C-alpha atoms as a PDB file:
ATOM      1  CA  MET A   1     -17.076  10.853  -1.904  1.00  0.00           C
ATOM      2  CA  ALA A   2     -15.022  12.939   0.352  1.00  0.00           C
ATOM      3  CA  ARG A   3     -16.721  11.128   3.823  1.00  0.00           C
ATOM      4  CA  HIS A   4     -16.348   7.618   2.401  1.00  0.00           C
ATOM      5  CA  LEU A   5     -12.529   8.454   1.397  1.00  0.00           C
ATOM      6  CA  ALA A   6     -12.326   9.712   5.512  1.00  0.00           C
ATOM      7  CA  MET A   7     -13.765   6.406   6.624  1.00  0.00           C
ATOM      8  CA  ALA A   8     -11.884   4.336   4.305  1.00  0.00           C
ATOM      9  CA  ALA A   9      -8.277   5.605   5.442  1.00  0.00           C
ATOM     10  CA  GLN A  10     -10.030   5.683   9.374  1.00  0.00           C
ATOM     11  CA  LEU A  11     -11.390   2.011   9.265  1.00  0.00           C
ATOM     12  CA  ILE A  12      -8.426   0.303   7.175  1.00  0.00           C
ATOM     13  CA  ASP A  13      -6.190  -1.394   9.733  1.00  0.00           C
ATOM     14  CA  GLU A  14      -9.236  -2.086  12.222  1.00  0.00           C
ATOM     15  CA  ASP A  15     -11.542  -3.056   9.361  1.00  0.00           C
ATOM     16  CA  PRO A  16     -10.472  -3.438   5.862  1.00  0.00           C
ATOM     17  CA  GLU A  17     -13.575  -4.908   4.806  1.00  0.00           C
ATOM     18  CA  ARG A  18     -15.846  -2.330   6.007  1.00  0.00           C
ATOM     19  CA  ALA A  19     -13.198   0.327   5.091  1.00  0.00           C
ATOM     20  CA  HIS A  20     -13.185  -1.332   1.237  1.00  0.00           C
ATOM     21  CA  LEU A  21     -16.993  -0.778   1.255  1.00  0.00           C
ATOM     22  CA  HIS A  22     -16.831   2.725   1.835  1.00  0.00           C
ATOM     23  CA  ALA A  23     -13.813   3.026  -0.708  1.00  0.00           C
ATOM     24  CA  LEU A  24     -16.228   1.223  -3.368  1.00  0.00           C
ATOM     25  CA  ALA A  25     -19.022   3.484  -2.700  1.00  0.00           C
ATOM     26  CA  ALA A  26     -17.129   6.314  -3.246  1.00  0.00           C
ATOM     27  CA  SER A  27     -16.193   4.679  -6.850  1.00  0.00           C
ATOM     28  CA  ARG A  28     -19.456   4.724  -7.179  1.00  0.00           C
ATOM     29  CA  ARG A  29     -19.870   8.391  -6.854  1.00  0.00           C
ATOM     30  CA  ALA A  30     -16.723   9.574  -8.836  1.00  0.00           C
ATOM     31  CA  GLY A  31     -15.105   6.157 -10.300  1.00  0.00           C
ATOM     32  CA  ARG A  32     -12.649   8.540 -12.601  1.00  0.00           C
ATOM     33  CA  VAL A  33     -11.193  10.104  -9.881  1.00  0.00           C
ATOM     34  CA  ALA A  34      -7.529   8.941  -9.227  1.00  0.00           C
ATOM     35  CA  VAL A  35      -7.379   9.272  -5.412  1.00  0.00           C
ATOM     36  CA  VAL A  36     -10.754   6.956  -5.476  1.00  0.00           C
ATOM     37  CA  ARG A  37      -9.425   4.146  -7.605  1.00  0.00           C
ATOM     38  CA  GLU A  38      -6.139   4.450  -5.196  1.00  0.00           C
ATOM     39  CA  SER A  39      -8.540   4.293  -2.184  1.00  0.00           C
ATOM     40  CA  VAL A  40     -10.076   0.950  -3.757  1.00  0.00           C
ATOM     41  CA  ALA A  41      -6.633  -0.251  -4.620  1.00  0.00           C
ATOM     42  CA  ILE A  42      -5.241   0.091  -1.084  1.00  0.00           C
ATOM     43  CA  THR A  43      -8.033  -1.429   0.769  1.00  0.00           C
ATOM     44  CA  ALA A  44      -8.537  -4.405  -1.861  1.00  0.00           C
ATOM     45  CA  TYR A  45      -4.718  -4.913  -1.243  1.00  0.00           C
ATOM     46  CA  ALA A  46      -5.333  -4.664   2.579  1.00  0.00           C
ATOM     47  CA  MET A  47      -8.068  -7.560   2.661  1.00  0.00           C
ATOM     48  CA  GLY A  48      -5.849  -9.672   0.639  1.00  0.00           C
ATOM     49  CA  ASP A  49      -7.783  -9.367  -2.979  1.00  0.00           C
ATOM     50  CA  PHE A  50      -4.742  -8.833  -5.143  1.00  0.00           C
ATOM     51  CA  ALA A  51      -6.120  -9.079  -8.236  1.00  0.00           C
ATOM     52  CA  LEU A  52      -8.538  -6.513  -7.858  1.00  0.00           C
ATOM     53  CA  ALA A  53      -5.741  -4.402  -6.123  1.00  0.00           C
ATOM     54  CA  LEU A  54      -3.467  -4.763  -8.945  1.00  0.00           C
ATOM     55  CA  ARG A  55      -6.433  -3.664 -11.402  1.00  0.00           C
ATOM     56  CA  GLU A  56      -7.068  -0.651  -9.592  1.00  0.00           C
ATOM     57  CA  LEU A  57      -3.635   0.240  -9.036  1.00  0.00           C
ATOM     58  CA  ARG A  58      -3.050   0.011 -12.521  1.00  0.00           C
ATOM     59  CA  THR A  59      -6.053   2.462 -13.593  1.00  0.00           C
ATOM     60  CA  TYR A  60      -4.845   4.585 -10.500  1.00  0.00           C
ATOM     61  CA  ARG A  61      -1.785   4.647 -12.457  1.00  0.00           C
ATOM     62  CA  ARG A  62      -2.981   5.245 -15.918  1.00  0.00           C
ATOM     63  CA  ILE A  63      -5.030   8.038 -14.464  1.00  0.00           C
ATOM     64  CA  SER A  64      -2.766   9.888 -12.670  1.00  0.00           C
ATOM     65  CA  GLY A  65       0.176   9.407 -14.419  1.00  0.00           C
ATOM     66  CA  ARG A  66       2.474   8.714 -10.520  1.00  0.00           C
ATOM     67  CA  ASP A  67       4.173   6.087 -10.281  1.00  0.00           C
ATOM     68  CA  ASP A  68       3.934   6.286  -6.752  1.00  0.00           C
ATOM     69  CA  GLN A  69       2.123   2.944  -5.708  1.00  0.00           C
ATOM     70  CA  ILE A  70       4.799   0.701  -7.454  1.00  0.00           C
ATOM     71  CA  ALA A  71       5.736  -0.883  -4.235  1.00  0.00           C
ATOM     72  CA  LEU A  72       1.940  -1.931  -3.686  1.00  0.00           C
ATOM     73  CA  ILE A  73       2.065  -3.278  -7.242  1.00  0.00           C
ATOM     74  CA  VAL A  74       4.926  -5.076  -6.808  1.00  0.00           C
ATOM     75  CA  ASP A  75       3.644  -6.584  -3.373  1.00  0.00           C
ATOM     76  CA  SER A  76       0.582  -7.246  -5.124  1.00  0.00           C
ATOM     77  CA  GLU A  77       2.122  -9.324  -8.017  1.00  0.00           C
ATOM     78  CA  ARG A  78       3.819 -11.306  -4.939  1.00  0.00           C
ATOM     79  CA  GLY A  79       0.715 -11.933  -3.419  1.00  0.00           C
ATOM     80  CA  MET A  80      -0.512 -13.469  -6.737  1.00  0.00           C
ATOM     81  CA  GLY A  81       2.374 -15.759  -6.593  1.00  0.00           C
ATOM     82  CA  ARG A  82       4.113 -13.846  -9.319  1.00  0.00           C
ATOM     83  CA  PRO A  83       7.692 -12.622  -7.931  1.00  0.00           C
ATOM     84  CA  ASP A  84       9.211 -12.659 -11.818  1.00  0.00           C
ATOM     85  CA  ARG A  85       6.260 -10.550 -12.618  1.00  0.00           C
ATOM     86  CA  ALA A  86       6.689  -8.338  -9.155  1.00  0.00           C
ATOM     87  CA  LEU A  87      10.391  -7.639 -10.377  1.00  0.00           C
ATOM     88  CA  GLU A  88       9.810  -6.924 -13.744  1.00  0.00           C
ATOM     89  CA  GLU A  89       7.075  -4.292 -12.793  1.00  0.00           C
ATOM     90  CA  GLY A  90       9.496  -3.018 -10.063  1.00  0.00           C
ATOM     91  CA  ARG A  91      12.445  -2.466 -13.129  1.00  0.00           C
ATOM     92  CA  SER A  92      10.098  -0.993 -15.407  1.00  0.00           C
ATOM     93  CA  VAL A  93      10.047   2.581 -13.230  1.00  0.00           C
ATOM     94  CA  ASP A  94      13.077   5.509 -12.978  1.00  0.00           C
ATOM     95  CA  ARG A  95      14.013   4.797  -8.915  1.00  0.00           C
ATOM     96  CA  ALA A  96      15.424   8.270  -9.296  1.00  0.00           C
ATOM     97  CA  ALA A  97      12.542   9.954 -10.263  1.00  0.00           C
ATOM     98  CA  LEU A  98      10.900   8.486  -7.432  1.00  0.00           C
ATOM     99  CA  PRO A  99      10.036  10.175  -4.021  1.00  0.00           C
ATOM    100  CA  THR A 100      12.474   8.900  -0.923  1.00  0.00           C
ATOM    101  CA  ALA A 101       9.415   7.099   0.905  1.00  0.00           C
ATOM    102  CA  THR A 102       8.133   5.463  -2.312  1.00  0.00           C
ATOM    103  CA  ARG A 103      11.727   4.303  -3.460  1.00  0.00           C
ATOM    104  CA  VAL A 104      12.451   2.821  -0.172  1.00  0.00           C
ATOM    105  CA  ALA A 105       8.832   0.748   0.241  1.00  0.00           C
ATOM    106  CA  LEU A 106       9.952  -0.147  -3.848  1.00  0.00           C
ATOM    107  CA  ALA A 107      13.303  -1.819  -2.239  1.00  0.00           C
ATOM    108  CA  ILE A 108      11.617  -3.148   0.502  1.00  0.00           C
ATOM    109  CA  ALA A 109       9.091  -5.038  -2.252  1.00  0.00           C
ATOM    110  CA  MET A 110      11.695  -5.540  -4.502  1.00  0.00           C
ATOM    111  CA  SER A 111      13.804  -7.807  -1.679  1.00  0.00           C
ATOM    112  CA  GLY A 112      10.467  -9.512  -0.789  1.00  0.00           C
ATOM    113  CA  ALA A 113      10.105 -10.811  -4.659  1.00  0.00           C
ATOM    114  CA  ARG A 114      13.782 -11.882  -4.443  1.00  0.00           C
ATOM    115  CA  LEU A 115      13.025 -13.661  -1.162  1.00  0.00           C
ATOM    116  CA  ASP A 116      10.031 -15.380  -2.723  1.00  0.00           C
ATOM    117  CA  ARG A 117      12.608 -16.438  -5.217  1.00  0.00           C
ATOM    118  CA  GLY A 118      14.800 -17.868  -2.783  1.00  0.00           C
ATOM    119  CA  GLU A 119      17.710 -15.381  -4.057  1.00  0.00           C
ATOM    120  CA  LEU A 120      18.488 -14.209  -0.580  1.00  0.00           C
ATOM    121  CA  GLU A 121      21.980 -12.367  -1.238  1.00  0.00           C
ATOM    122  CA  LEU A 122      20.168 -10.548  -3.994  1.00  0.00           C
ATOM    123  CA  ALA A 123      17.234  -9.868  -1.767  1.00  0.00           C
ATOM    124  CA  LEU A 124      19.861  -8.161   0.410  1.00  0.00           C
ATOM    125  CA  GLY A 125      21.151  -6.585  -2.064  1.00  0.00           C
ATOM    126  CA  GLU A 126      17.835  -4.743  -2.990  1.00  0.00           C
ATOM    127  CA  LEU A 127      18.227  -3.169   0.162  1.00  0.00           C
ATOM    128  CA  GLU A 128      21.612  -1.305  -0.159  1.00  0.00           C
ATOM    129  CA  ILE A 129      20.223   1.970  -0.738  1.00  0.00           C
ATOM    130  CA  PRO A 130      21.609   5.354   0.130  1.00  0.00           C
ATOM    131  CA  GLU A 131      18.501   5.757   2.845  1.00  0.00           C
ATOM    132  CA  LEU A 132      20.068   2.768   4.906  1.00  0.00           C
ATOM    133  CA  ASN A 133      22.025   4.689   7.400  1.00  0.00           C
ATOM    134  CA  PRO A 134      21.574   3.361  11.211  1.00  0.00           C
ATOM    135  CA  ASP A 135      22.307   6.780  12.478  1.00  0.00           C
ATOM    136  CA  LEU A 136      19.551   8.874  10.889  1.00  0.00           C
ATOM    137  CA  ALA A 137      16.041   8.268  11.509  1.00  0.00           C
ATOM    138  CA  PHE A 138      12.654   9.189   8.895  1.00  0.00           C
ATOM    139  CA  GLU A 139       9.501   7.950   8.582  1.00  0.00           C
ATOM    140  CA  TRP A 140      10.757   4.858   6.551  1.00  0.00           C
ATOM    141  CA  SER A 141      13.659   3.860   8.680  1.00  0.00           C
ATOM    142  CA  PRO A 142      12.028   1.213  10.791  1.00  0.00           C
ATOM    143  CA  ALA A 143      10.486  -0.349   7.956  1.00  0.00           C
ATOM    144  CA  LEU A 144      13.952  -0.479   6.082  1.00  0.00           C
ATOM    145  CA  PHE A 145      15.872  -1.607   9.055  1.00  0.00           C
ATOM    146  CA  ASP A 146      13.594  -4.522  10.115  1.00  0.00           C
ATOM    147  CA  ALA A 147      13.498  -5.672   6.161  1.00  0.00           C
ATOM    148  CA  ARG A 148      17.467  -5.798   6.502  1.00  0.00           C
ATOM    149  CA  ALA A 149      17.442  -7.615   9.561  1.00  0.00           C
ATOM    150  CA  ALA A 150      14.889 -10.067   8.398  1.00  0.00           C
ATOM    151  CA  VAL A 151      17.108 -11.161   5.271  1.00  0.00           C
ATOM    152  CA  LEU A 152      19.686 -11.377   7.412  1.00  0.00           C
ATOM    153  CA  GLU A 153      18.178 -13.812   9.646  1.00  0.00           C
ATOM    154  CA  ASP A 154      17.333 -16.072   6.688  1.00  0.00           C
ATOM    155  CA  LEU A 155      21.194 -15.858   5.563  1.00  0.00           C
ATOM    156  CA  GLY A 156      22.079 -17.028   8.894  1.00  0.00           C
ATOM    157  CA  ARG A 157      23.893 -14.020  10.217  1.00  0.00           C
ATOM    158  CA  ALA A 158      22.320 -13.494  13.767  1.00  0.00           C
ATOM    159  CA  ASP A 159      24.580 -10.690  15.279  1.00  0.00           C
ATOM    160  CA  GLU A 160      24.054  -8.354  12.174  1.00  0.00           C
ATOM    161  CA  ALA A 161      20.319  -9.197  12.268  1.00  0.00           C
ATOM    162  CA  ALA A 162      20.062  -8.228  16.051  1.00  0.00           C
ATOM    163  CA  PHE A 163      22.289  -4.719  15.263  1.00  0.00           C
ATOM    164  CA  TRP A 164      19.434  -4.215  12.401  1.00  0.00           C
ATOM    165  CA  HIS A 165      16.437  -4.723  14.736  1.00  0.00           C
ATOM    166  CA  GLU A 166      17.490  -2.729  16.927  1.00  0.00           C
ATOM    167  CA  ARG A 167      18.140  -0.119  15.155  1.00  0.00           C
ATOM    168  CA  ALA A 168      15.080  -0.350  13.840  1.00  0.00           C
ATOM    169  CA  GLU A 169      13.275  -0.001  17.261  1.00  0.00           C
ATOM    170  CA  VAL A 170      15.562   3.108  18.190  1.00  0.00           C
ATOM    171  CA  ALA A 171      14.473   4.676  15.079  1.00  0.00           C
ATOM    172  CA  SER A 172      10.503   3.887  15.531  1.00  0.00           C
ATOM    173  CA  ALA A 173      10.928   5.165  19.415  1.00  0.00           C
ATOM    174  CA  ALA A 174      12.799   8.413  17.794  1.00  0.00           C
ATOM    175  CA  LEU A 175       9.931   9.101  15.658  1.00  0.00           C
ATOM    176  CA  GLY A 176       7.162   8.397  18.482  1.00  0.00           C
ATOM    177  CA  HIS A 177       5.979   5.135  16.593  1.00  0.00           C
ATOM    178  CA  GLY A 178       3.932   3.045  19.147  1.00  0.00           C
ATOM    179  CA  ASP A 179       2.482   6.120  21.232  1.00  0.00           C
ATOM    180  CA  ASP A 180      -1.442   5.793  21.911  1.00  0.00           C
ATOM    181  CA  ASP A 181      -2.215   9.579  20.981  1.00  0.00           C
ATOM    182  CA  GLU A 182      -5.285   9.391  19.502  1.00  0.00           C
ATOM    183  CA  VAL A 183      -5.822  12.027  16.316  1.00  0.00           C
ATOM    184  CA  ILE A 184      -9.549  13.176  16.242  1.00  0.00           C
ATOM    185  CA  ILE A 185     -10.712  14.531  13.036  1.00  0.00           C
ATOM    186  CA  GLU A 186     -14.163  15.369  13.357  1.00  0.00           C
ATOM    187  CA  ASP A 187     -14.507  18.870  12.269  1.00  0.00           C
ATOM    188  CA  ALA A 188     -12.910  17.783   8.572  1.00  0.00           C
ATOM    189  CA  TYR A 189     -16.531  16.613   8.482  1.00  0.00           C
ATOM    190  CA  GLU A 190     -18.526  19.220   8.767  1.00  0.00           C
ATOM    191  CA  ASP A 191     -19.371  19.821   5.398  1.00  0.00           C
ATOM    192  CA  LEU A 192     -19.298  16.503   4.166  1.00  0.00           C
ATOM    193  CA  PRO A 193     -22.516  14.433   3.627  1.00  0.00           C
ATOM    194  CA  GLY A 194     -24.434  13.105   6.559  1.00  0.00           C
ATOM    195  CA  GLU A 195     -23.808  10.033   8.543  1.00  0.00           C
ATOM    196  CA  ASP A 196     -27.160   8.282   7.060  1.00  0.00           C
ATOM    197  CA  GLU A 197     -26.360   8.996   3.644  1.00  0.00           C
ATOM    198  CA  ALA A 198     -23.001   7.769   3.928  1.00  0.00           C
ATOM    199  CA  ALA A 199     -24.267   4.559   5.478  1.00  0.00           C
ATOM    200  CA  ALA A 200     -27.102   3.969   2.826  1.00  0.00           C
ATOM    201  CA  ASP A 201     -24.361   4.143   0.298  1.00  0.00           C
ATOM    202  CA  VAL A 202     -22.101   1.573   2.008  1.00  0.00           C
ATOM    203  CA  ASP A 203     -25.179  -0.784   2.627  1.00  0.00           C
ATOM    204  CA  ALA A 204     -25.920  -0.571  -0.817  1.00  0.00           C
ATOM    205  CA  VAL A 205     -22.580  -1.552  -2.265  1.00  0.00           C
ATOM    206  CA  ALA A 206     -22.518  -4.150   0.709  1.00  0.00           C
ATOM    207  CA  SER A 207     -25.262  -6.051  -1.140  1.00  0.00           C
ATOM    208  CA  PRO A 208     -24.244  -8.264  -3.927  1.00  0.00           C
ATOM    209  CA  SER A 209     -27.103  -7.025  -6.226  1.00  0.00           C
ATOM    210  CA  GLU A 210     -26.013  -3.235  -6.220  1.00  0.00           C
ATOM    211  CA  ARG A 211     -22.123  -4.478  -6.760  1.00  0.00           C
ATOM    212  CA  PRO A 212     -21.411  -3.707 -10.641  1.00  0.00           C
ATOM    213  CA  GLU A 213     -19.893  -6.453 -12.920  1.00  0.00           C
ATOM    214  CA  ALA A 214     -16.767  -5.906 -14.258  1.00  0.00           C
ATOM    215  CA  SER A 215     -18.210  -5.310 -17.645  1.00  0.00           C
ATOM    216  CA  GLU A 216     -20.308  -2.689 -16.201  1.00  0.00           C
ATOM    217  CA  GLN A 217     -17.064  -0.717 -15.104  1.00  0.00           C
ATOM    218  CA  PRO A 218     -16.587   1.898 -17.946  1.00  0.00           C
ATOM    219  CA  GLU A 219     -13.862   0.459 -20.397  1.00  0.00           C
ATOM    220  CA  ASP A 220     -11.251   2.963 -19.814  1.00  0.00           C
ATOM    221  CA  GLU A 221     -11.528   2.220 -16.132  1.00  0.00           C
ATOM    222  CA  GLU A 222     -11.231  -1.716 -16.812  1.00  0.00           C
ATOM    223  CA  GLN A 223      -8.537  -2.129 -19.053  1.00  0.00           C
ATOM    224  CA  ALA A 224      -4.914  -3.166 -17.674  1.00  0.00           C
ATOM    225  CA  GLU A 225      -1.908  -1.621 -18.860  1.00  0.00           C
END
């Protein structure tokens, strides 16, 4: 299971489908482990399978009792063409109780849902949060600044949009984003199942005849909130 989760995280940007197969292989071994269902959800989202992502995210939330993937739930509802449902999901959580990075990601997702509805001013308002400080750079700052710039562009406020795009670039540079440094984590695999076993698991999941149907999933994992 651990190797499959590691491979899913490693492959998600360059090969989301392969990453998803690794996540599914992990779920065959430990389907009731929260982080496994989270991995299935994230890789499904990366592939554009928003229905599966939503189901798995809700299962993850039910198992873990956490709302840390609420932004992805909102974005998955948007991906399903349901901005109203997306806004309802976002309003259902106590934002003050969320970690800062999650709260910022939720603000960006909620702003996107407002854009989907053509509510430009409200989209801008969703981004008016304490973390919107152009003079400070945190991990969430580039995405937040770029989101604000995009809404300002839609509003025809080009000068303000240019300012926030510039601040996003400065924040990204300050954080070292864009560097070509490669992190090698070979040591993390030393005590995990071998490559052949992991590959066999993925090949089994990749075969349609081996994939479990939704009806075969344990009942407590299949039900949505």
